[in-house]
Amino acid sequence: MDKVEIAPFDNLLVYKKGYTPGFVRALISEKKLGGLRIFSILKDQKLETIDFLNEYDFLEKLDITSNSDFNFSFLNSLVNLKKLSINVEGSMKIDLGGIKKLEHLSIKWRKNIKGVENCISLLSLCLIEYKGKDLMSFQNLCSIKDLRVKTATIESLNGLQHLKKLESLSIGNCKKLISISNISLLPKLKNLELEQCPNIKDFKLLLGLKGLENLSLIDCGEIESIGFIDNMPSLSRLSLIGNTVIKDGDLTSAKKIKTLEHKHYKHYNLKLENLSYNKAINANLNKIKDIFK
């Protein structure tokens, strides 16, 4: 049997052909592992089916990455599963409604996904390539504290206002997103990252976030003004990097921020200390120099 491989994230045992449920269970217990990772991409470990997971009801964490489609009916057998990641190409139905203990879910979206609205114990959710105009499908997930949306067709964040326990929100590569008004209705939000969302028109509506500590607006194009941060008394870190430009050029509101990252433009009225951004630029320049030595 091949040498045992442990994935560095979540301390997961990497499944190899020939592993039995008994072997996997004993190894997880012996080495105090988090759970199981199935990586079915490389030719020598390509799997035609993962139905064998019906016998893995002891798993608490499962990560599946594949460029092949699978039958996911085995999920109904994984009654102890608390953390699930599915990054799989295909169109077969994925029904999550029976996993009552599920607390953390990361999933590459497909049309035929069912039961997410029943996962009411979820604490974190990561949606990859989500196809929908808003987030209304997730409004019942009231326990969520961490939500990430990576590459989606959403135009608004309608539905988000129901997630009153949300503490961290990350929205990336959502180029159809126009309105973020619902974010201001999240009383416990501490961390907000918007990246590659260049068509947002209503940044000023963020002014209601009294408890926000960290704000990142990365590659978000033109922002009329950052005056809205004057109403964020808890804000200690502000990142305005990449292709993010303050249109009115007024950085006065940023003077009070403890940690500031921004690219300076000629029309800005102030040149503020920018240590972390400068450090990152210098590090990249040194890497380039090393390449051409």
Foldseek 3Di string as FASTA:
>chain_A
DDDWDFDPPQRATEDAPPDALVNQVVVCVVVVGQFHEYAQDDPRRHDPEDLNCLPNLVHQEYEYAYADDYAQPSLLSNQNHAEYEYHYDDAHAAENQNNANHAYYEYEDHPRYHRPLNNLNHQEYEYEAEEDQEDLSNLNNQNYQYYEYEAYQHQEHPSVLSNQNHAEYYYENHQNHAEDLSVLNHANHAYYAYENHQRHDPPLSVLNHQRHAEYEYYNNAEDQAPPSCLSHPNHQEYEQDHRYYHNQQECPSVQPHNAYAYDDDPNHPDDDDHVVNVVVVVVVVVVVVVVVD
